[in-house]
Amino acid sequence: MIITLLLIGDVLLAFLTETNYNDVNMSQKMVVSMGEIRKRLVFHGRVQGVGFRYRAKHLASSLGLTGWVRNEYDGTVQMEVQGSKPMIYKLMEGLNRGMYITIDWIDDKEIPVVQESSFHVR
């Protein structure tokens, strides 16, 4: 079992992850049973030039999330992601595990849900 801690604003989240693939299937079932939300996230730190956007696309697609991600001129990465809250937090946890990625902090805001069917890099 792996314990991962993620600080988002003033909230410290703890994730317990088992190393089998049944957890992913269980998590995907939770997407159906929980309401969807949409978040606008701005990632600060070493997040450009390190494969962040393509890692985000791969993880988001594998978790059944929709939205987009793009580099900003100020060195941050902006993302809009939609799905269940637990899956969005799994995405954020996975991004924080990137080999060359260093997330110093994340600005987040809940925004209205939109109709879309995939996650893409802008």
C-alpha atoms as a PDB file:
ATOM      1  CA  MET A   1       0.000   0.000   0.000  1.00  0.00           C
ATOM      2  CA  ILE A   2       1.239   3.503  -0.893  1.00  0.00           C
ATOM      3  CA  ILE A   3       0.294   6.632   1.058  1.00  0.00           C
ATOM      4  CA  THR A   4       0.418   9.853  -0.947  1.00  0.00           C
ATOM      5  CA  LEU A   5      -0.092  13.321   0.531  1.00  0.00           C
ATOM      6  CA  LEU A   6      -1.212  16.219  -1.667  1.00  0.00           C
ATOM      7  CA  LEU A   7      -1.615  19.807  -0.488  1.00  0.00           C
ATOM      8  CA  ILE A   8      -4.300  21.780  -2.351  1.00  0.00           C
ATOM      9  CA  GLY A   9      -4.755  25.260  -0.961  1.00  0.00           C
ATOM     10  CA  ASP A  10      -5.294  24.818   2.767  1.00  0.00           C
ATOM     11  CA  VAL A  11      -6.454  21.196   2.445  1.00  0.00           C
ATOM     12  CA  LEU A  12      -4.112  18.230   2.918  1.00  0.00           C
ATOM     13  CA  LEU A  13      -5.378  15.116   1.132  1.00  0.00           C
ATOM     14  CA  ALA A  14      -4.144  11.611   1.895  1.00  0.00           C
ATOM     15  CA  PHE A  15      -4.507   8.847  -0.700  1.00  0.00           C
ATOM     16  CA  LEU A  16      -4.110   5.146   0.062  1.00  0.00           C
ATOM     17  CA  THR A  17      -3.279   3.209  -3.081  1.00  0.00           C
ATOM     18  CA  GLU A  18      -3.012  -0.530  -3.417  1.00  0.00           C
ATOM     19  CA  THR A  19      -0.770  -1.917  -6.121  1.00  0.00           C
ATOM     20  CA  ASN A  20      -3.387  -3.982  -7.942  1.00  0.00           C
ATOM     21  CA  TYR A  21      -5.509  -2.904 -10.884  1.00  0.00           C
ATOM     22  CA  ASN A  22      -8.852  -3.610  -9.205  1.00  0.00           C
ATOM     23  CA  ASP A  23      -8.657  -0.163  -7.571  1.00  0.00           C
ATOM     24  CA  VAL A  24      -8.810   1.531 -10.980  1.00  0.00           C
ATOM     25  CA  ASN A  25     -11.934  -0.420 -11.911  1.00  0.00           C
ATOM     26  CA  MET A  26     -13.534   0.462  -8.574  1.00  0.00           C
ATOM     27  CA  SER A  27     -12.607   4.130  -9.067  1.00  0.00           C
ATOM     28  CA  GLN A  28     -14.142   4.156 -12.535  1.00  0.00           C
ATOM     29  CA  LYS A  29     -17.379   2.766 -11.066  1.00  0.00           C
ATOM     30  CA  MET A  30     -17.409   5.688  -8.615  1.00  0.00           C
ATOM     31  CA  VAL A  31     -17.496   8.108 -11.573  1.00  0.00           C
ATOM     32  CA  VAL A  32     -20.924   6.775 -12.533  1.00  0.00           C
ATOM     33  CA  SER A  33     -22.348   7.032  -9.032  1.00  0.00           C
ATOM     34  CA  MET A  34     -21.045  10.511  -8.153  1.00  0.00           C
ATOM     35  CA  GLY A  35     -21.947  13.869  -9.681  1.00  0.00           C
ATOM     36  CA  GLU A  36     -19.590  15.505 -12.125  1.00  0.00           C
ATOM     37  CA  ILE A  37     -17.749  18.700 -11.333  1.00  0.00           C
ATOM     38  CA  ARG A  38     -15.460  20.892 -13.413  1.00  0.00           C
ATOM     39  CA  LYS A  39     -12.355  22.621 -12.096  1.00  0.00           C
ATOM     40  CA  ARG A  40     -10.033  25.231 -13.541  1.00  0.00           C
ATOM     41  CA  LEU A  41      -6.554  24.485 -12.208  1.00  0.00           C
ATOM     42  CA  VAL A  42      -3.378  26.544 -12.579  1.00  0.00           C
ATOM     43  CA  PHE A  43      -0.198  24.612 -11.793  1.00  0.00           C
ATOM     44  CA  HIS A  44       2.884  26.543 -10.599  1.00  0.00           C
ATOM     45  CA  GLY A  45       6.409  25.128 -10.415  1.00  0.00           C
ATOM     46  CA  ARG A  46       8.496  23.160 -12.908  1.00  0.00           C
ATOM     47  CA  VAL A  47       5.562  22.268 -15.138  1.00  0.00           C
ATOM     48  CA  GLN A  48       6.650  23.333 -18.639  1.00  0.00           C
ATOM     49  CA  GLY A  49       9.147  21.434 -20.781  1.00  0.00           C
ATOM     50  CA  VAL A  50       8.828  18.295 -18.632  1.00  0.00           C
ATOM     51  CA  GLY A  51       6.011  16.372 -20.380  1.00  0.00           C
ATOM     52  CA  PHE A  52       3.324  17.710 -18.037  1.00  0.00           C
ATOM     53  CA  ARG A  53       0.582  18.263 -20.639  1.00  0.00           C
ATOM     54  CA  TYR A  54       0.981  14.869 -22.292  1.00  0.00           C
ATOM     55  CA  ARG A  55       1.121  13.116 -18.928  1.00  0.00           C
ATOM     56  CA  ALA A  56      -2.061  15.001 -17.998  1.00  0.00           C
ATOM     57  CA  LYS A  57      -3.766  13.897 -21.227  1.00  0.00           C
ATOM     58  CA  HIS A  58      -2.805  10.260 -20.712  1.00  0.00           C
ATOM     59  CA  LEU A  59      -3.849  10.179 -17.038  1.00  0.00           C
ATOM     60  CA  ALA A  60      -7.086  12.110 -17.599  1.00  0.00           C
ATOM     61  CA  SER A  61      -8.128   9.858 -20.469  1.00  0.00           C
ATOM     62  CA  SER A  62      -7.340   6.716 -18.464  1.00  0.00           C
ATOM     63  CA  LEU A  63      -9.446   8.015 -15.539  1.00  0.00           C
ATOM     64  CA  GLY A  64     -12.427   8.885 -17.759  1.00  0.00           C
ATOM     65  CA  LEU A  65     -12.031  12.657 -17.310  1.00  0.00           C
ATOM     66  CA  THR A  66     -12.681  15.312 -19.950  1.00  0.00           C
ATOM     67  CA  GLY A  67     -11.271  18.795 -20.506  1.00  0.00           C
ATOM     68  CA  TRP A  68      -8.068  20.389 -21.742  1.00  0.00           C
ATOM     69  CA  VAL A  69      -4.589  21.522 -20.696  1.00  0.00           C
ATOM     70  CA  ARG A  70      -2.304  24.267 -22.065  1.00  0.00           C
ATOM     71  CA  ASN A  71       0.943  26.106 -21.326  1.00  0.00           C
ATOM     72  CA  GLU A  72       0.687  29.762 -20.338  1.00  0.00           C
ATOM     73  CA  TYR A  73       3.206  32.501 -21.149  1.00  0.00           C
ATOM     74  CA  ASP A  74       3.993  33.051 -17.451  1.00  0.00           C
ATOM     75  CA  GLY A  75       5.426  29.520 -17.074  1.00  0.00           C
ATOM     76  CA  THR A  76       2.319  27.986 -15.493  1.00  0.00           C
ATOM     77  CA  VAL A  77       0.055  25.309 -16.944  1.00  0.00           C
ATOM     78  CA  GLN A  78      -3.701  25.843 -16.990  1.00  0.00           C
ATOM     79  CA  MET A  79      -6.147  22.954 -17.043  1.00  0.00           C
ATOM     80  CA  GLU A  80      -9.894  22.573 -17.092  1.00  0.00           C
ATOM     81  CA  VAL A  81     -10.889  19.082 -16.011  1.00  0.00           C
ATOM     82  CA  GLN A  82     -14.307  17.521 -15.585  1.00  0.00           C
ATOM     83  CA  GLY A  83     -15.431  14.338 -13.859  1.00  0.00           C
ATOM     84  CA  SER A  84     -15.945  13.051 -10.350  1.00  0.00           C
ATOM     85  CA  LYS A  85     -14.041  14.718  -7.529  1.00  0.00           C
ATOM     86  CA  PRO A  86     -12.170  11.493  -6.563  1.00  0.00           C
ATOM     87  CA  MET A  87     -10.973  10.990 -10.151  1.00  0.00           C
ATOM     88  CA  ILE A  88      -9.815  14.605 -10.424  1.00  0.00           C
ATOM     89  CA  TYR A  89      -7.799  14.137  -7.217  1.00  0.00           C
ATOM     90  CA  LYS A  90      -6.327  10.902  -8.637  1.00  0.00           C
ATOM     91  CA  LEU A  91      -5.263  12.904 -11.716  1.00  0.00           C
ATOM     92  CA  MET A  92      -3.601  15.529  -9.513  1.00  0.00           C
ATOM     93  CA  GLU A  93      -1.877  12.812  -7.506  1.00  0.00           C
ATOM     94  CA  GLY A  94      -0.583  11.154 -10.691  1.00  0.00           C
ATOM     95  CA  LEU A  95       0.733  14.451 -12.045  1.00  0.00           C
ATOM     96  CA  ASN A  96       2.584  15.052  -8.788  1.00  0.00           C
ATOM     97  CA  ARG A  97       4.420  11.726  -9.271  1.00  0.00           C
ATOM     98  CA  GLY A  98       5.970  12.764 -12.595  1.00  0.00           C
ATOM     99  CA  MET A  99       9.723  12.218 -12.707  1.00  0.00           C
ATOM    100  CA  TYR A 100      10.713  15.732 -13.814  1.00  0.00           C
ATOM    101  CA  ILE A 101       7.542  17.560 -12.758  1.00  0.00           C
ATOM    102  CA  THR A 102       7.642  19.705  -9.626  1.00  0.00           C
ATOM    103  CA  ILE A 103       4.315  21.228  -8.579  1.00  0.00           C
ATOM    104  CA  ASP A 104       4.861  24.022  -6.046  1.00  0.00           C
ATOM    105  CA  TRP A 105       1.199  24.954  -5.721  1.00  0.00           C
ATOM    106  CA  ILE A 106      -2.140  24.754  -7.498  1.00  0.00           C
ATOM    107  CA  ASP A 107      -4.759  27.488  -7.828  1.00  0.00           C
ATOM    108  CA  ASP A 108      -8.171  25.914  -8.264  1.00  0.00           C
ATOM    109  CA  LYS A 109     -11.687  27.122  -8.900  1.00  0.00           C
ATOM    110  CA  GLU A 110     -14.868  25.147  -9.457  1.00  0.00           C
ATOM    111  CA  ILE A 111     -16.608  26.233 -12.675  1.00  0.00           C
ATOM    112  CA  PRO A 112     -19.806  25.165 -14.484  1.00  0.00           C
ATOM    113  CA  VAL A 113     -19.887  21.711 -16.098  1.00  0.00           C
ATOM    114  CA  VAL A 114     -19.880  21.690 -19.924  1.00  0.00           C
ATOM    115  CA  GLN A 115     -20.749  19.041 -22.496  1.00  0.00           C
ATOM    116  CA  GLU A 116     -17.615  17.392 -23.913  1.00  0.00           C
ATOM    117  CA  SER A 117     -16.346  13.896 -24.647  1.00  0.00           C
ATOM    118  CA  SER A 118     -12.548  13.872 -24.366  1.00  0.00           C
ATOM    119  CA  PHE A 119      -9.443  15.423 -22.847  1.00  0.00           C
ATOM    120  CA  HIS A 120      -7.002  17.232 -25.137  1.00  0.00           C
ATOM    121  CA  VAL A 121      -3.831  19.314 -25.197  1.00  0.00           C
ATOM    122  CA  ARG A 122      -4.244  22.874 -26.467  1.00  0.00           C
END
